[in-house]
């Protein structure tokens, strides 16, 4: 479960943005604007473009979770949490 928590921490911001492709340096720092990336490059950092969605899928594979298993997990979580919200509180 630790790997799953780390994955969620690393990629939860994907849900907040439409930017799948970002600038990243060798230290793993992500730059959200071209200006930030350019400033980092001028300071000597090596910058590359990465597709965070593809990288997230690769990391899921690395921890042994297939697309089918991920889909099943989403369905299970949806079932667990939607069913609780729909119930009336006991009096």
PDB file of N, CA and C in Angstrom:
ATOM      1  N   UNK A   1       0.815  -1.203   0.000  1.00  0.00           N
ATOM      2  CA  UNK A   1       0.000   0.000   0.000  1.00  0.00           C
ATOM      3  C   UNK A   1       0.856   1.264   0.000  1.00  0.00           C
ATOM      4  N   UNK A   2       2.059   1.191   0.521  1.00  0.00           N
ATOM      5  CA  UNK A   2       2.934   2.366   0.542  1.00  0.00           C
ATOM      6  C   UNK A   2       3.197   2.863  -0.867  1.00  0.00           C
ATOM      7  N   UNK A   3       3.436   1.947  -1.800  1.00  0.00           N
ATOM      8  CA  UNK A   3       3.691   2.351  -3.180  1.00  0.00           C
ATOM      9  C   UNK A   3       2.475   3.051  -3.770  1.00  0.00           C
ATOM     10  N   UNK A   4       1.296   2.580  -3.434  1.00  0.00           N
ATOM     11  CA  UNK A   4       0.081   3.199  -3.939  1.00  0.00           C
ATOM     12  C   UNK A   4      -0.080   4.609  -3.366  1.00  0.00           C
ATOM     13  N   UNK A   5       0.220   4.780  -2.087  1.00  0.00           N
ATOM     14  CA  UNK A   5       0.156   6.111  -1.473  1.00  0.00           C
ATOM     15  C   UNK A   5       1.154   7.056  -2.131  1.00  0.00           C
ATOM     16  N   UNK A   6       2.356   6.568  -2.390  1.00  0.00           N
ATOM     17  CA  UNK A   6       3.371   7.391  -3.050  1.00  0.00           C
ATOM     18  C   UNK A   6       2.923   7.776  -4.454  1.00  0.00           C
ATOM     19  N   UNK A   7       2.306   6.842  -5.152  1.00  0.00           N
ATOM     20  CA  UNK A   7       1.799   7.117  -6.495  1.00  0.00           C
ATOM     21  C   UNK A   7       0.738   8.216  -6.440  1.00  0.00           C
ATOM     22  N   UNK A   8      -0.189   8.097  -5.504  1.00  0.00           N
ATOM     23  CA  UNK A   8      -1.259   9.090  -5.368  1.00  0.00           C
ATOM     24  C   UNK A   8      -0.677  10.461  -5.048  1.00  0.00           C
ATOM     25  N   UNK A   9       0.284  10.522  -4.139  1.00  0.00           N
ATOM     26  CA  UNK A   9       0.921  11.798  -3.802  1.00  0.00           C
ATOM     27  C   UNK A   9       1.622  12.407  -5.010  1.00  0.00           C
ATOM     28  N   UNK A  10       2.267  11.569  -5.810  1.00  0.00           N
ATOM     29  CA  UNK A  10       3.029  12.066  -6.954  1.00  0.00           C
ATOM     30  C   UNK A  10       2.135  12.546  -8.093  1.00  0.00           C
ATOM     31  N   UNK A  11       0.969  11.942  -8.256  1.00  0.00           N
ATOM     32  CA  UNK A  11       0.167  12.227  -9.450  1.00  0.00           C
ATOM     33  C   UNK A  11      -1.213  12.814  -9.175  1.00  0.00           C
ATOM     34  N   UNK A  12      -1.551  13.117  -7.932  1.00  0.00           N
ATOM     35  CA  UNK A  12      -2.886  13.660  -7.648  1.00  0.00           C
ATOM     36  C   UNK A  12      -3.121  15.001  -8.331  1.00  0.00           C
ATOM     37  N   UNK A  13      -2.061  15.748  -8.589  1.00  0.00           N
ATOM     38  CA  UNK A  13      -2.235  17.046  -9.243  1.00  0.00           C
ATOM     39  C   UNK A  13      -2.620  16.920 -10.716  1.00  0.00           C
ATOM     40  N   UNK A  14      -2.520  15.731 -11.293  1.00  0.00           N
ATOM     41  CA  UNK A  14      -2.981  15.528 -12.672  1.00  0.00           C
ATOM     42  C   UNK A  14      -4.476  15.824 -12.795  1.00  0.00           C
ATOM     43  N   UNK A  15      -5.218  15.603 -11.730  1.00  0.00           N
ATOM     44  CA  UNK A  15      -6.657  15.848 -11.748  1.00  0.00           C
ATOM     45  C   UNK A  15      -6.989  17.335 -11.728  1.00  0.00           C
ATOM     46  N   UNK A  16      -6.049  18.166 -11.310  1.00  0.00           N
ATOM     47  CA  UNK A  16      -6.275  19.602 -11.166  1.00  0.00           C
ATOM     48  C   UNK A  16      -5.904  20.398 -12.406  1.00  0.00           C
ATOM     49  N   UNK A  17      -5.274  19.771 -13.372  1.00  0.00           N
ATOM     50  CA  UNK A  17      -4.745  20.506 -14.514  1.00  0.00           C
ATOM     51  C   UNK A  17      -4.978  19.744 -15.812  1.00  0.00           C
ATOM     52  N   UNK A  18      -5.060  20.502 -16.882  1.00  0.00           N
ATOM     53  CA  UNK A  18      -5.166  19.888 -18.203  1.00  0.00           C
ATOM     54  C   UNK A  18      -3.793  19.648 -18.811  1.00  0.00           C
ATOM     55  N   UNK A  19      -2.741  20.098 -18.130  1.00  0.00           N
ATOM     56  CA  UNK A  19      -1.382  19.987 -18.656  1.00  0.00           C
ATOM     57  C   UNK A  19      -0.793  18.616 -18.359  1.00  0.00           C
ATOM     58  N   UNK A  20      -0.823  17.750 -19.350  1.00  0.00           N
ATOM     59  CA  UNK A  20      -0.193  16.440 -19.206  1.00  0.00           C
ATOM     60  C   UNK A  20       1.296  16.538 -19.485  1.00  0.00           C
ATOM     61  N   UNK A  21       1.664  17.447 -20.390  1.00  0.00           N
ATOM     62  CA  UNK A  21       3.062  17.596 -20.782  1.00  0.00           C
ATOM     63  C   UNK A  21       3.649  18.781 -20.031  1.00  0.00           C
ATOM     64  N   UNK A  22       4.726  18.528 -19.303  1.00  0.00           N
ATOM     65  CA  UNK A  22       5.362  19.560 -18.491  1.00  0.00           C
ATOM     66  C   UNK A  22       6.866  19.549 -18.716  1.00  0.00           C
ATOM     67  N   UNK A  23       7.501  20.615 -18.287  1.00  0.00           N
ATOM     68  CA  UNK A  23       8.959  20.694 -18.302  1.00  0.00           C
ATOM     69  C   UNK A  23       9.459  20.145 -16.972  1.00  0.00           C
ATOM     70  N   UNK A  24      10.529  19.374 -17.018  1.00  0.00           N
ATOM     71  CA  UNK A  24      11.063  18.745 -15.814  1.00  0.00           C
ATOM     72  C   UNK A  24      12.582  18.769 -15.880  1.00  0.00           C
ATOM     73  N   UNK A  25      13.236  18.969 -14.717  1.00  0.00           N
ATOM     74  CA  UNK A  25      14.696  18.908 -14.710  1.00  0.00           C
ATOM     75  C   UNK A  25      15.156  17.553 -14.175  1.00  0.00           C
ATOM     76  N   UNK A  26      16.467  17.356 -14.164  1.00  0.00           N
ATOM     77  CA  UNK A  26      17.027  16.063 -13.737  1.00  0.00           C
ATOM     78  C   UNK A  26      16.768  15.749 -12.274  1.00  0.00           C
ATOM     79  N   UNK A  27      16.469  16.780 -11.471  1.00  0.00           N
ATOM     80  CA  UNK A  27      16.183  16.572 -10.055  1.00  0.00           C
ATOM     81  C   UNK A  27      14.719  16.209  -9.809  1.00  0.00           C
ATOM     82  N   UNK A  28      13.914  16.214 -10.879  1.00  0.00           N
ATOM     83  CA  UNK A  28      12.500  15.888 -10.735  1.00  0.00           C
ATOM     84  C   UNK A  28      11.606  17.087 -10.499  1.00  0.00           C
ATOM     85  N   UNK A  29      12.183  18.288 -10.505  1.00  0.00           N
ATOM     86  CA  UNK A  29      11.377  19.495 -10.330  1.00  0.00           C
ATOM     87  C   UNK A  29      10.556  19.737 -11.588  1.00  0.00           C
ATOM     88  N   UNK A  30       9.292  20.070 -11.401  1.00  0.00           N
ATOM     89  CA  UNK A  30       8.391  20.303 -12.524  1.00  0.00           C
ATOM     90  C   UNK A  30       8.141  21.797 -12.646  1.00  0.00           C
ATOM     91  N   UNK A  31       8.236  22.289 -13.879  1.00  0.00           N
ATOM     92  CA  UNK A  31       8.017  23.699 -14.172  1.00  0.00           C
ATOM     93  C   UNK A  31       6.732  23.821 -14.971  1.00  0.00           C
ATOM     94  N   UNK A  32       5.805  24.613 -14.451  1.00  0.00           N
ATOM     95  CA  UNK A  32       4.491  24.704 -15.078  1.00  0.00           C
ATOM     96  C   UNK A  32       4.434  25.720 -16.207  1.00  0.00           C
ATOM     97  N   UNK A  33       5.418  26.600 -16.283  1.00  0.00           N
ATOM     98  CA  UNK A  33       5.434  27.574 -17.376  1.00  0.00           C
ATOM     99  C   UNK A  33       6.748  27.474 -18.137  1.00  0.00           C
ATOM    100  N   UNK A  34       6.692  27.920 -19.371  1.00  0.00           N
ATOM    101  CA  UNK A  34       7.894  27.939 -20.204  1.00  0.00           C
ATOM    102  C   UNK A  34       8.926  28.887 -19.598  1.00  0.00           C
ATOM    103  N   UNK A  35       8.446  29.987 -19.036  1.00  0.00           N
ATOM    104  CA  UNK A  35       9.348  30.970 -18.433  1.00  0.00           C
ATOM    105  C   UNK A  35      10.144  30.366 -17.275  1.00  0.00           C
ATOM    106  N   UNK A  36       9.461  29.605 -16.408  1.00  0.00           N
ATOM    107  CA  UNK A  36      10.146  28.946 -15.285  1.00  0.00           C
ATOM    108  C   UNK A  36      11.179  27.953 -15.796  1.00  0.00           C
ATOM    109  N   UNK A  37      10.801  27.186 -16.803  1.00  0.00           N
ATOM    110  CA  UNK A  37      11.719  26.191 -17.368  1.00  0.00           C
ATOM    111  C   UNK A  37      12.923  26.867 -18.008  1.00  0.00           C
ATOM    112  N   UNK A  38      12.678  27.972 -18.707  1.00  0.00           N
ATOM    113  CA  UNK A  38      13.770  28.699 -19.356  1.00  0.00           C
ATOM    114  C   UNK A  38      14.733  29.271 -18.312  1.00  0.00           C
ATOM    115  N   UNK A  39      14.181  29.817 -17.228  1.00  0.00           N
ATOM    116  CA  UNK A  39      15.026  30.355 -16.155  1.00  0.00           C
ATOM    117  C   UNK A  39      15.869  29.247 -15.531  1.00  0.00           C
ATOM    118  N   UNK A  40      15.279  28.086 -15.338  1.00  0.00           N
ATOM    119  CA  UNK A  40      16.023  26.954 -14.773  1.00  0.00           C
ATOM    120  C   UNK A  40      17.124  26.513 -15.728  1.00  0.00           C
ATOM    121  N   UNK A  41      16.820  26.507 -17.018  1.00  0.00           N
ATOM    122  CA  UNK A  41      17.821  26.118 -18.011  1.00  0.00           C
ATOM    123  C   UNK A  41      18.971  27.116 -18.030  1.00  0.00           C
ATOM    124  N   UNK A  42      18.649  28.402 -17.917  1.00  0.00           N
ATOM    125  CA  UNK A  42      19.690  29.431 -17.890  1.00  0.00           C
ATOM    126  C   UNK A  42      20.591  29.285 -16.662  1.00  0.00           C
ATOM    127  N   UNK A  43      20.033  28.732 -15.578  1.00  0.00           N
ATOM    128  CA  UNK A  43      20.824  28.555 -14.358  1.00  0.00           C
ATOM    129  C   UNK A  43      21.626  27.253 -14.375  1.00  0.00           C
ATOM    130  N   UNK A  44      21.574  26.531 -15.511  1.00  0.00           N
ATOM    131  CA  UNK A  44      22.406  25.338 -15.653  1.00  0.00           C
ATOM    132  C   UNK A  44      21.683  24.012 -15.547  1.00  0.00           C
ATOM    133  N   UNK A  45      20.381  24.036 -15.312  1.00  0.00           N
ATOM    134  CA  UNK A  45      19.619  22.784 -15.216  1.00  0.00           C
ATOM    135  C   UNK A  45      19.365  22.235 -16.616  1.00  0.00           C
ATOM    136  N   UNK A  46      19.339  20.916 -16.727  1.00  0.00           N
ATOM    137  CA  UNK A  46      18.964  20.280 -17.987  1.00  0.00           C
ATOM    138  C   UNK A  46      17.461  20.026 -17.940  1.00  0.00           C
ATOM    139  N   UNK A  47      16.749  20.550 -18.930  1.00  0.00           N
ATOM    140  CA  UNK A  47      15.289  20.495 -18.942  1.00  0.00           C
ATOM    141  C   UNK A  47      14.811  19.582 -20.067  1.00  0.00           C
ATOM    142  N   UNK A  48      13.779  18.791 -19.764  1.00  0.00           N
ATOM    143  CA  UNK A  48      13.169  17.958 -20.794  1.00  0.00           C
ATOM    144  C   UNK A  48      11.652  18.025 -20.660  1.00  0.00           C
ATOM    145  N   UNK A  49      10.970  17.727 -21.739  1.00  0.00           N
ATOM    146  CA  UNK A  49       9.515  17.634 -21.714  1.00  0.00           C
ATOM    147  C   UNK A  49       9.132  16.209 -21.347  1.00  0.00           C
ATOM    148  N   UNK A  50       8.166  16.078 -20.438  1.00  0.00           N
ATOM    149  CA  UNK A  50       7.673  14.744 -20.100  1.00  0.00           C
ATOM    150  C   UNK A  50       6.149  14.739 -20.173  1.00  0.00           C
ATOM    151  N   UNK A  51       5.603  13.605 -20.535  1.00  0.00           N
ATOM    152  CA  UNK A  51       4.167  13.404 -20.537  1.00  0.00           C
ATOM    153  C   UNK A  51       3.830  12.721 -19.214  1.00  0.00           C
ATOM    154  N   UNK A  52       3.238  13.466 -18.295  1.00  0.00           N
ATOM    155  CA  UNK A  52       2.989  12.941 -16.948  1.00  0.00           C
ATOM    156  C   UNK A  52       1.972  11.808 -16.946  1.00  0.00           C
ATOM    157  N   UNK A  53       1.017  11.841 -17.859  1.00  0.00           N
ATOM    158  CA  UNK A  53       0.028  10.763 -17.918  1.00  0.00           C
ATOM    159  C   UNK A  53       0.707   9.452 -18.308  1.00  0.00           C
ATOM    160  N   UNK A  54       1.553   9.501 -19.338  1.00  0.00           N
ATOM    161  CA  UNK A  54       2.275   8.294 -19.753  1.00  0.00           C
ATOM    162  C   UNK A  54       3.222   7.816 -18.659  1.00  0.00           C
ATOM    163  N   UNK A  55       3.871   8.768 -17.980  1.00  0.00           N
ATOM    164  CA  UNK A  55       4.792   8.400 -16.904  1.00  0.00           C
ATOM    165  C   UNK A  55       4.035   7.738 -15.746  1.00  0.00           C
ATOM    166  N   UNK A  56       2.851   8.238 -15.436  1.00  0.00           N
ATOM    167  CA  UNK A  56       2.037   7.647 -14.371  1.00  0.00           C
ATOM    168  C   UNK A  56       1.643   6.213 -14.719  1.00  0.00           C
ATOM    169  N   UNK A  57       1.271   5.990 -15.977  1.00  0.00           N
ATOM    170  CA  UNK A  57       0.909   4.636 -16.418  1.00  0.00           C
ATOM    171  C   UNK A  57       2.114   3.707 -16.312  1.00  0.00           C
ATOM    172  N   UNK A  58       3.294   4.202 -16.692  1.00  0.00           N
ATOM    173  CA  UNK A  58       4.521   3.402 -16.569  1.00  0.00           C
ATOM    174  C   UNK A  58       4.797   3.052 -15.113  1.00  0.00           C
ATOM    175  N   UNK A  59       4.602   4.015 -14.209  1.00  0.00           N
ATOM    176  CA  UNK A  59       4.855   3.751 -12.788  1.00  0.00           C
ATOM    177  C   UNK A  59       3.864   2.738 -12.222  1.00  0.00           C
ATOM    178  N   UNK A  60       2.620   2.790 -12.679  1.00  0.00           N
ATOM    179  CA  UNK A  60       1.657   1.766 -12.249  1.00  0.00           C
ATOM    180  C   UNK A  60       2.124   0.386 -12.680  1.00  0.00           C
ATOM    181  N   UNK A  61       2.606   0.291 -13.913  1.00  0.00           N
ATOM    182  CA  UNK A  61       3.132  -0.991 -14.399  1.00  0.00           C
ATOM    183  C   UNK A  61       4.320  -1.433 -13.559  1.00  0.00           C
ATOM    184  N   UNK A  62       5.184  -0.481 -13.185  1.00  0.00           N
ATOM    185  CA  UNK A  62       6.366  -0.802 -12.382  1.00  0.00           C
ATOM    186  C   UNK A  62       6.003  -1.376 -11.015  1.00  0.00           C
ATOM    187  N   UNK A  63       4.877  -0.932 -10.448  1.00  0.00           N
ATOM    188  CA  UNK A  63       4.481  -1.480  -9.148  1.00  0.00           C
ATOM    189  C   UNK A  63       3.536  -2.672  -9.308  1.00  0.00           C
ATOM    190  N   UNK A  64       3.355  -3.110 -10.564  1.00  0.00           N
ATOM    191  CA  UNK A  64       2.621  -4.342 -10.815  1.00  0.00           C
ATOM    192  C   UNK A  64       1.126  -4.191 -10.988  1.00  0.00           C
ATOM    193  N   UNK A  65       0.649  -2.992 -11.318  1.00  0.00           N
ATOM    194  CA  UNK A  65      -0.782  -2.782 -11.505  1.00  0.00           C
ATOM    195  C   UNK A  65      -1.064  -2.606 -12.993  1.00  0.00           C
ATOM    196  N   UNK A  66      -1.875  -3.515 -13.530  1.00  0.00           N
ATOM    197  CA  UNK A  66      -2.231  -3.456 -14.945  1.00  0.00           C
ATOM    198  C   UNK A  66      -3.412  -2.509 -15.148  1.00  0.00           C
ATOM    199  N   UNK A  67      -3.701  -2.218 -16.403  1.00  0.00           N
ATOM    200  CA  UNK A  67      -4.834  -1.351 -16.728  1.00  0.00           C
ATOM    201  C   UNK A  67      -6.140  -1.977 -16.237  1.00  0.00           C
ATOM    202  N   UNK A  68      -6.266  -3.281 -16.392  1.00  0.00           N
ATOM    203  CA  UNK A  68      -7.478  -3.985 -15.949  1.00  0.00           C
ATOM    204  C   UNK A  68      -7.615  -3.901 -14.430  1.00  0.00           C
ATOM    205  N   UNK A  69      -6.514  -4.121 -13.717  1.00  0.00           N
ATOM    206  CA  UNK A  69      -6.553  -4.045 -12.249  1.00  0.00           C
ATOM    207  C   UNK A  69      -6.872  -2.630 -11.777  1.00  0.00           C
ATOM    208  N   UNK A  70      -6.321  -1.633 -12.448  1.00  0.00           N
ATOM    209  CA  UNK A  70      -6.606  -0.244 -12.085  1.00  0.00           C
ATOM    210  C   UNK A  70      -8.087   0.063 -12.292  1.00  0.00           C
ATOM    211  N   UNK A  71      -8.639  -0.432 -13.385  1.00  0.00           N
ATOM    212  CA  UNK A  71     -10.058  -0.232 -13.666  1.00  0.00           C
ATOM    213  C   UNK A  71     -10.924  -0.908 -12.602  1.00  0.00           C
ATOM    214  N   UNK A  72     -10.531  -2.111 -12.203  1.00  0.00           N
ATOM    215  CA  UNK A  72     -11.266  -2.818 -11.153  1.00  0.00           C
ATOM    216  C   UNK A  72     -11.187  -2.059  -9.831  1.00  0.00           C
ATOM    217  N   UNK A  73     -10.024  -1.500  -9.531  1.00  0.00           N
ATOM    218  CA  UNK A  73      -9.850  -0.734  -8.297  1.00  0.00           C
ATOM    219  C   UNK A  73     -10.773   0.487  -8.294  1.00  0.00           C
ATOM    220  N   UNK A  74     -10.859   1.168  -9.418  1.00  0.00           N
ATOM    221  CA  UNK A  74     -11.747   2.330  -9.521  1.00  0.00           C
ATOM    222  C   UNK A  74     -13.194   1.911  -9.294  1.00  0.00           C
ATOM    223  N   UNK A  75     -13.599   0.799  -9.881  1.00  0.00           N
ATOM    224  CA  UNK A  75     -14.968   0.311  -9.705  1.00  0.00           C
ATOM    225  C   UNK A  75     -15.248  -0.057  -8.250  1.00  0.00           C
ATOM    226  N   UNK A  76     -14.297  -0.695  -7.608  1.00  0.00           N
ATOM    227  CA  UNK A  76     -14.466  -1.075  -6.196  1.00  0.00           C
ATOM    228  C   UNK A  76     -14.585   0.169  -5.326  1.00  0.00           C
ATOM    229  N   UNK A  77     -13.682   1.124  -5.520  1.00  0.00           N
ATOM    230  CA  UNK A  77     -13.725   2.357  -4.728  1.00  0.00           C
ATOM    231  C   UNK A  77     -15.012   3.128  -4.981  1.00  0.00           C
ATOM    232  N   UNK A  78     -15.433   3.173  -6.225  1.00  0.00           N
ATOM    233  CA  UNK A  78     -16.684   3.839  -6.572  1.00  0.00           C
ATOM    234  C   UNK A  78     -17.849   3.173  -5.843  1.00  0.00           C
ATOM    235  N   UNK A  79     -17.875   1.858  -5.846  1.00  0.00           N
ATOM    236  CA  UNK A  79     -18.928   1.113  -5.155  1.00  0.00           C
ATOM    237  C   UNK A  79     -18.895   1.386  -3.649  1.00  0.00           C
ATOM    238  N   UNK A  80     -17.710   1.323  -3.063  1.00  0.00           N
ATOM    239  CA  UNK A  80     -17.580   1.500  -1.616  1.00  0.00           C
ATOM    240  C   UNK A  80     -18.021   2.882  -1.156  1.00  0.00           C
ATOM    241  N   UNK A  81     -17.611   3.901  -1.869  1.00  0.00           N
ATOM    242  CA  UNK A  81     -17.872   5.256  -1.405  1.00  0.00           C
ATOM    243  C   UNK A  81     -19.181   5.842  -1.910  1.00  0.00           C
ATOM    244  N   UNK A  82     -19.643   5.459  -3.071  1.00  0.00           N
ATOM    245  CA  UNK A  82     -20.938   5.955  -3.543  1.00  0.00           C
ATOM    246  C   UNK A  82     -22.069   5.345  -2.745  1.00  0.00           C
ATOM    247  N   UNK A  83     -21.949   4.091  -2.383  1.00  0.00           N
ATOM    248  CA  UNK A  83     -23.027   3.449  -1.634  1.00  0.00           C
ATOM    249  C   UNK A  83     -23.186   4.079  -0.259  1.00  0.00           C
ATOM    250  N   UNK A  84     -22.099   4.549   0.347  1.00  0.00           N
ATOM    251  CA  UNK A  84     -22.182   5.179   1.666  1.00  0.00           C
ATOM    252  C   UNK A  84     -22.820   6.559   1.582  1.00  0.00           C
ATOM    253  N   UNK A  85     -22.552   7.292   0.505  1.00  0.00           N
ATOM    254  CA  UNK A  85     -23.120   8.631   0.376  1.00  0.00           C
ATOM    255  C   UNK A  85     -24.621   8.578   0.122  1.00  0.00           C
ATOM    256  N   UNK A  86     -25.072   7.520  -0.521  1.00  0.00           N
ATOM    257  CA  UNK A  86     -26.482   7.426  -0.874  1.00  0.00           C
ATOM    258  C   UNK A  86     -27.377   6.956   0.264  1.00  0.00           C
ATOM    259  N   UNK A  87     -26.810   6.427   1.321  1.00  0.00           N
ATOM    260  CA  UNK A  87     -27.599   5.904   2.441  1.00  0.00           C
ATOM    261  C   UNK A  87     -28.034   7.030   3.369  1.00  0.00           C
ATOM    262  N   UNK A  88     -29.215   6.828   3.948  1.00  0.00           N
ATOM    263  CA  UNK A  88     -29.696   7.777   4.949  1.00  0.00           C
ATOM    264  C   UNK A  88     -29.072   7.414   6.290  1.00  0.00           C
ATOM    265  N   UNK A  89     -28.741   8.418   7.081  1.00  0.00           N
ATOM    266  CA  UNK A  89     -28.169   8.113   8.402  1.00  0.00           C
ATOM    267  C   UNK A  89     -29.189   7.402   9.283  1.00  0.00           C
ATOM    268  N   UNK A  90     -28.688   6.483  10.103  1.00  0.00           N
ATOM    269  CA  UNK A  90     -29.560   5.759  11.030  1.00  0.00           C
ATOM    270  C   UNK A  90     -29.933   6.692  12.167  1.00  0.00           C
ATOM    271  N   UNK A  91     -31.202   6.632  12.585  1.00  0.00           N
ATOM    272  CA  UNK A  91     -31.615   7.494  13.689  1.00  0.00           C
ATOM    273  C   UNK A  91     -31.655   6.768  15.002  1.00  0.00           C
TER     274      UNK A  91
END
